[in-house]
C-alpha atoms as a PDB file:
ATOM      1  CA  UNK A   1     179.163 130.926  45.903  1.00  0.00           C
ATOM      2  CA  UNK A   2     179.937 127.525  44.503  1.00  0.00           C
ATOM      3  CA  UNK A   3     183.180 125.947  45.595  1.00  0.00           C
ATOM      4  CA  UNK A   4     185.681 125.120  42.861  1.00  0.00           C
ATOM      5  CA  UNK A   5     189.007 123.361  42.658  1.00  0.00           C
ATOM      6  CA  UNK A   6     191.917 125.307  44.155  1.00  0.00           C
ATOM      7  CA  UNK A   7     194.156 127.228  41.729  1.00  0.00           C
ATOM      8  CA  UNK A   8     197.052 124.923  42.615  1.00  0.00           C
ATOM      9  CA  UNK A   9     195.126 121.955  41.146  1.00  0.00           C
ATOM     10  CA  UNK A  10     194.532 123.753  37.854  1.00  0.00           C
ATOM     11  CA  UNK A  11     198.170 124.862  37.728  1.00  0.00           C
ATOM     12  CA  UNK A  12     199.390 121.307  38.310  1.00  0.00           C
ATOM     13  CA  UNK A  13     197.183 119.713  35.631  1.00  0.00           C
ATOM     14  CA  UNK A  14     197.213 122.406  32.928  1.00  0.00           C
ATOM     15  CA  UNK A  15     199.929 122.105  30.334  1.00  0.00           C
ATOM     16  CA  UNK A  16     200.878 123.596  27.002  1.00  0.00           C
ATOM     17  CA  UNK A  17     201.922 121.996  23.730  1.00  0.00           C
ATOM     18  CA  UNK A  18     203.725 124.019  21.064  1.00  0.00           C
ATOM     19  CA  UNK A  19     204.811 123.246  17.543  1.00  0.00           C
ATOM     20  CA  UNK A  20     208.486 122.262  17.582  1.00  0.00           C
ATOM     21  CA  UNK A  21     208.434 121.012  21.213  1.00  0.00           C
ATOM     22  CA  UNK A  22     209.829 117.610  22.194  1.00  0.00           C
ATOM     23  CA  UNK A  23     207.015 115.130  22.784  1.00  0.00           C
ATOM     24  CA  UNK A  24     207.047 111.901  24.777  1.00  0.00           C
ATOM     25  CA  UNK A  25     203.939 109.887  23.874  1.00  0.00           C
ATOM     26  CA  UNK A  26     203.978 107.709  27.007  1.00  0.00           C
ATOM     27  CA  UNK A  27     204.482 110.693  29.309  1.00  0.00           C
ATOM     28  CA  UNK A  28     201.653 112.524  27.503  1.00  0.00           C
ATOM     29  CA  UNK A  29     199.362 109.517  27.863  1.00  0.00           C
ATOM     30  CA  UNK A  30     200.072 109.346  31.606  1.00  0.00           C
ATOM     31  CA  UNK A  31     199.593 113.114  32.090  1.00  0.00           C
ATOM     32  CA  UNK A  32     196.266 113.392  30.298  1.00  0.00           C
ATOM     33  CA  UNK A  33     194.918 110.229  31.916  1.00  0.00           C
ATOM     34  CA  UNK A  34     195.784 111.630  35.349  1.00  0.00           C
ATOM     35  CA  UNK A  35     194.133 114.918  34.314  1.00  0.00           C
ATOM     36  CA  UNK A  36     190.898 112.994  33.642  1.00  0.00           C
ATOM     37  CA  UNK A  37     191.012 112.551  29.858  1.00  0.00           C
ATOM     38  CA  UNK A  38     189.649 109.348  28.320  1.00  0.00           C
ATOM     39  CA  UNK A  39     191.566 107.328  25.733  1.00  0.00           C
ATOM     40  CA  UNK A  40     189.292 106.555  22.756  1.00  0.00           C
ATOM     41  CA  UNK A  41     189.739 105.271  19.219  1.00  0.00           C
ATOM     42  CA  UNK A  42     188.142 108.380  17.658  1.00  0.00           C
ATOM     43  CA  UNK A  43     187.937 111.774  19.363  1.00  0.00           C
ATOM     44  CA  UNK A  44     184.450 113.304  19.210  1.00  0.00           C
ATOM     45  CA  UNK A  45     183.875 115.233  22.462  1.00  0.00           C
ATOM     46  CA  UNK A  46     185.781 117.293  25.040  1.00  0.00           C
ATOM     47  CA  UNK A  47     187.887 115.297  27.479  1.00  0.00           C
ATOM     48  CA  UNK A  48     189.017 112.656  24.987  1.00  0.00           C
ATOM     49  CA  UNK A  49     192.329 111.803  23.356  1.00  0.00           C
ATOM     50  CA  UNK A  50     193.564 109.246  20.844  1.00  0.00           C
ATOM     51  CA  UNK A  51     197.044 108.006  19.947  1.00  0.00           C
ATOM     52  CA  UNK A  52     197.536 106.502  16.507  1.00  0.00           C
ATOM     53  CA  UNK A  53     201.210 106.162  15.695  1.00  0.00           C
ATOM     54  CA  UNK A  54     202.570 109.626  14.908  1.00  0.00           C
ATOM     55  CA  UNK A  55     199.144 111.285  15.169  1.00  0.00           C
ATOM     56  CA  UNK A  56     197.706 112.449  18.475  1.00  0.00           C
ATOM     57  CA  UNK A  57     194.117 113.708  18.551  1.00  0.00           C
ATOM     58  CA  UNK A  58     192.904 115.556  21.613  1.00  0.00           C
ATOM     59  CA  UNK A  59     189.863 117.554  22.580  1.00  0.00           C
ATOM     60  CA  UNK A  60     190.766 119.884  25.461  1.00  0.00           C
ATOM     61  CA  UNK A  61     188.132 121.033  27.895  1.00  0.00           C
ATOM     62  CA  UNK A  62     186.973 124.568  27.081  1.00  0.00           C
ATOM     63  CA  UNK A  63     187.957 124.244  23.428  1.00  0.00           C
ATOM     64  CA  UNK A  64     185.481 124.630  20.570  1.00  0.00           C
ATOM     65  CA  UNK A  65     187.426 122.248  18.323  1.00  0.00           C
ATOM     66  CA  UNK A  66     189.734 119.269  18.809  1.00  0.00           C
ATOM     67  CA  UNK A  67     193.400 119.317  17.806  1.00  0.00           C
ATOM     68  CA  UNK A  68     195.585 116.934  15.848  1.00  0.00           C
ATOM     69  CA  UNK A  69     199.285 116.776  16.635  1.00  0.00           C
ATOM     70  CA  UNK A  70     201.461 115.424  13.849  1.00  0.00           C
ATOM     71  CA  UNK A  71     204.718 114.060  15.226  1.00  0.00           C
ATOM     72  CA  UNK A  72     208.026 113.766  13.447  1.00  0.00           C
ATOM     73  CA  UNK A  73     210.099 111.459  15.609  1.00  0.00           C
ATOM     74  CA  UNK A  74     210.007 112.988  19.104  1.00  0.00           C
ATOM     75  CA  UNK A  75     208.992 116.490  17.968  1.00  0.00           C
ATOM     76  CA  UNK A  76     205.610 118.102  17.344  1.00  0.00           C
ATOM     77  CA  UNK A  77     205.799 118.888  13.633  1.00  0.00           C
ATOM     78  CA  UNK A  78     202.380 120.542  13.360  1.00  0.00           C
ATOM     79  CA  UNK A  79     199.203 121.237  15.326  1.00  0.00           C
ATOM     80  CA  UNK A  80     195.923 121.607  13.478  1.00  0.00           C
ATOM     81  CA  UNK A  81     192.260 121.777  14.405  1.00  0.00           C
ATOM     82  CA  UNK A  82     189.934 119.244  12.856  1.00  0.00           C
ATOM     83  CA  UNK A  83     186.240 118.591  12.370  1.00  0.00           C
ATOM     84  CA  UNK A  84     184.854 115.790  14.564  1.00  0.00           C
ATOM     85  CA  UNK A  85     182.295 114.714  11.950  1.00  0.00           C
ATOM     86  CA  UNK A  86     184.557 114.451   8.909  1.00  0.00           C
ATOM     87  CA  UNK A  87     187.876 114.034  10.815  1.00  0.00           C
ATOM     88  CA  UNK A  88     189.441 116.424   8.269  1.00  0.00           C
ATOM     89  CA  UNK A  89     191.917 119.046   9.390  1.00  0.00           C
ATOM     90  CA  UNK A  90     190.753 122.663   9.312  1.00  0.00           C
ATOM     91  CA  UNK A  91     193.563 125.097  10.071  1.00  0.00           C
ATOM     92  CA  UNK A  92     196.971 125.170  11.751  1.00  0.00           C
ATOM     93  CA  UNK A  93     197.557 126.635  15.220  1.00  0.00           C
ATOM     94  CA  UNK A  94     200.894 127.372  16.936  1.00  0.00           C
ATOM     95  CA  UNK A  95     200.033 125.912  20.360  1.00  0.00           C
ATOM     96  CA  UNK A  96     197.420 124.231  22.531  1.00  0.00           C
ATOM     97  CA  UNK A  97     196.559 124.695  26.210  1.00  0.00           C
ATOM     98  CA  UNK A  98     195.078 121.665  27.959  1.00  0.00           C
ATOM     99  CA  UNK A  99     192.979 122.169  31.063  1.00  0.00           C
ATOM    100  CA  UNK A 100     192.152 119.208  33.306  1.00  0.00           C
ATOM    101  CA  UNK A 101     189.166 117.206  32.075  1.00  0.00           C
ATOM    102  CA  UNK A 102     187.655 117.128  35.567  1.00  0.00           C
ATOM    103  CA  UNK A 103     187.486 119.534  38.491  1.00  0.00           C
ATOM    104  CA  UNK A 104     188.861 116.900  40.838  1.00  0.00           C
ATOM    105  CA  UNK A 105     191.902 114.613  40.832  1.00  0.00           C
ATOM    106  CA  UNK A 106     191.398 111.079  39.578  1.00  0.00           C
ATOM    107  CA  UNK A 107     194.806 109.801  40.576  1.00  0.00           C
ATOM    108  CA  UNK A 108     195.321 107.388  43.485  1.00  0.00           C
ATOM    109  CA  UNK A 109     196.119 110.208  45.924  1.00  0.00           C
ATOM    110  CA  UNK A 110     192.869 112.016  45.029  1.00  0.00           C
ATOM    111  CA  UNK A 111     190.797 108.858  45.413  1.00  0.00           C
ATOM    112  CA  UNK A 112     192.468 108.076  48.744  1.00  0.00           C
ATOM    113  CA  UNK A 113     191.756 111.594  50.016  1.00  0.00           C
ATOM    114  CA  UNK A 114     188.113 111.243  48.896  1.00  0.00           C
ATOM    115  CA  UNK A 115     187.695 107.885  50.681  1.00  0.00           C
ATOM    116  CA  UNK A 116     189.269 109.190  53.896  1.00  0.00           C
ATOM    117  CA  UNK A 117     187.165 112.346  53.963  1.00  0.00           C
ATOM    118  CA  UNK A 118     184.006 110.431  52.996  1.00  0.00           C
ATOM    119  CA  UNK A 119     184.413 108.177  56.029  1.00  0.00           C
ATOM    120  CA  UNK A 120     184.973 111.263  58.240  1.00  0.00           C
ATOM    121  CA  UNK A 121     181.873 113.096  56.985  1.00  0.00           C
ATOM    122  CA  UNK A 122     179.314 110.336  56.446  1.00  0.00           C
ATOM    123  CA  UNK A 123     178.174 107.694  58.907  1.00  0.00           C
ATOM    124  CA  UNK A 124     177.588 104.059  58.067  1.00  0.00           C
ATOM    125  CA  UNK A 125     179.358 101.500  55.939  1.00  0.00           C
ATOM    126  CA  UNK A 126     180.960 103.279  52.953  1.00  0.00           C
ATOM    127  CA  UNK A 127     181.184 100.021  51.004  1.00  0.00           C
ATOM    128  CA  UNK A 128     177.379 100.150  50.677  1.00  0.00           C
ATOM    129  CA  UNK A 129     177.554 103.544  48.904  1.00  0.00           C
ATOM    130  CA  UNK A 130     177.552 103.393  45.074  1.00  0.00           C
ATOM    131  CA  UNK A 131     179.280 106.792  45.014  1.00  0.00           C
ATOM    132  CA  UNK A 132     182.088 105.580  47.287  1.00  0.00           C
ATOM    133  CA  UNK A 133     182.551 102.405  45.217  1.00  0.00           C
ATOM    134  CA  UNK A 134     182.562 104.285  41.896  1.00  0.00           C
ATOM    135  CA  UNK A 135     185.173 106.817  43.007  1.00  0.00           C
ATOM    136  CA  UNK A 136     187.278 104.024  44.536  1.00  0.00           C
ATOM    137  CA  UNK A 137     187.234 102.258  41.157  1.00  0.00           C
ATOM    138  CA  UNK A 138     188.199 105.422  39.246  1.00  0.00           C
ATOM    139  CA  UNK A 139     184.712 106.044  37.856  1.00  0.00           C
ATOM    140  CA  UNK A 140     183.376 109.606  37.902  1.00  0.00           C
ATOM    141  CA  UNK A 141     179.621 109.318  38.480  1.00  0.00           C
ATOM    142  CA  UNK A 142     177.238 112.113  37.529  1.00  0.00           C
ATOM    143  CA  UNK A 143     177.073 114.859  40.130  1.00  0.00           C
ATOM    144  CA  UNK A 144     180.454 114.060  41.665  1.00  0.00           C
ATOM    145  CA  UNK A 145     181.315 117.785  41.483  1.00  0.00           C
ATOM    146  CA  UNK A 146     178.999 118.350  44.460  1.00  0.00           C
ATOM    147  CA  UNK A 147     181.431 116.298  46.550  1.00  0.00           C
ATOM    148  CA  UNK A 148     184.421 118.457  45.549  1.00  0.00           C
ATOM    149  CA  UNK A 149     185.370 119.319  49.174  1.00  0.00           C
ATOM    150  CA  UNK A 150     186.061 115.619  49.761  1.00  0.00           C
ATOM    151  CA  UNK A 151     188.861 115.666  47.165  1.00  0.00           C
ATOM    152  CA  UNK A 152     190.765 118.682  48.519  1.00  0.00           C
ATOM    153  CA  UNK A 153     191.958 119.920  51.895  1.00  0.00           C
ATOM    154  CA  UNK A 154     190.583 123.336  50.914  1.00  0.00           C
ATOM    155  CA  UNK A 155     188.465 124.379  47.940  1.00  0.00           C
ATOM    156  CA  UNK A 156     188.357 127.808  46.302  1.00  0.00           C
ATOM    157  CA  UNK A 157     185.862 130.398  45.110  1.00  0.00           C
ATOM    158  CA  UNK A 158     185.940 132.721  42.122  1.00  0.00           C
ATOM    159  CA  UNK A 159     187.685 135.306  44.305  1.00  0.00           C
ATOM    160  CA  UNK A 160     190.687 132.986  44.663  1.00  0.00           C
ATOM    161  CA  UNK A 161     191.222 133.128  40.898  1.00  0.00           C
ATOM    162  CA  UNK A 162     191.140 136.922  40.682  1.00  0.00           C
ATOM    163  CA  UNK A 163     194.296 139.055  40.959  1.00  0.00           C
ATOM    164  CA  UNK A 164     194.915 140.614  44.380  1.00  0.00           C
ATOM    165  CA  UNK A 165     194.205 144.116  43.060  1.00  0.00           C
ATOM    166  CA  UNK A 166     191.006 143.169  41.186  1.00  0.00           C
ATOM    167  CA  UNK A 167     187.977 145.403  41.704  1.00  0.00           C
ATOM    168  CA  UNK A 168     184.642 143.641  41.901  1.00  0.00           C
ATOM    169  CA  UNK A 169     181.411 145.576  41.460  1.00  0.00           C
ATOM    170  CA  UNK A 170     178.122 143.961  42.455  1.00  0.00           C
ATOM    171  CA  UNK A 171     174.898 145.419  41.144  1.00  0.00           C
END
């Protein structure tokens, strides 16, 4: 079974936005950046967000469409889906759930844990490793998910996400 991020990581970096909620743009920007989202000028793919005055566009991971939050002062006035090609709104929704954009933490604590564990597991000079340098600089290189155990003290499996009384049938 493939190792995945522990449930505590998903719980810490998943958050909900609802119409009528108070909204702090700077706090939002910090939260989604820590959760691995990329700030762009125009949202076109999952894992991106954009802030343009009172409009916030975001494309949550696992979502088929991006969302546009229309702010009125410090409140979310409306949430609507929109088309990435035309940038036109499609239909209103009452709330949005944002999952982390990556399966591993990209904050300073996560990078520090990766560097420490990398030096414990691999021999040689880590400064000669492109992977080590990229992660240290906050860059997520392709295939970094294979190094997931270096980001966490303990990883999880699918079984860790199932309820305690779940019945699993293998055929």
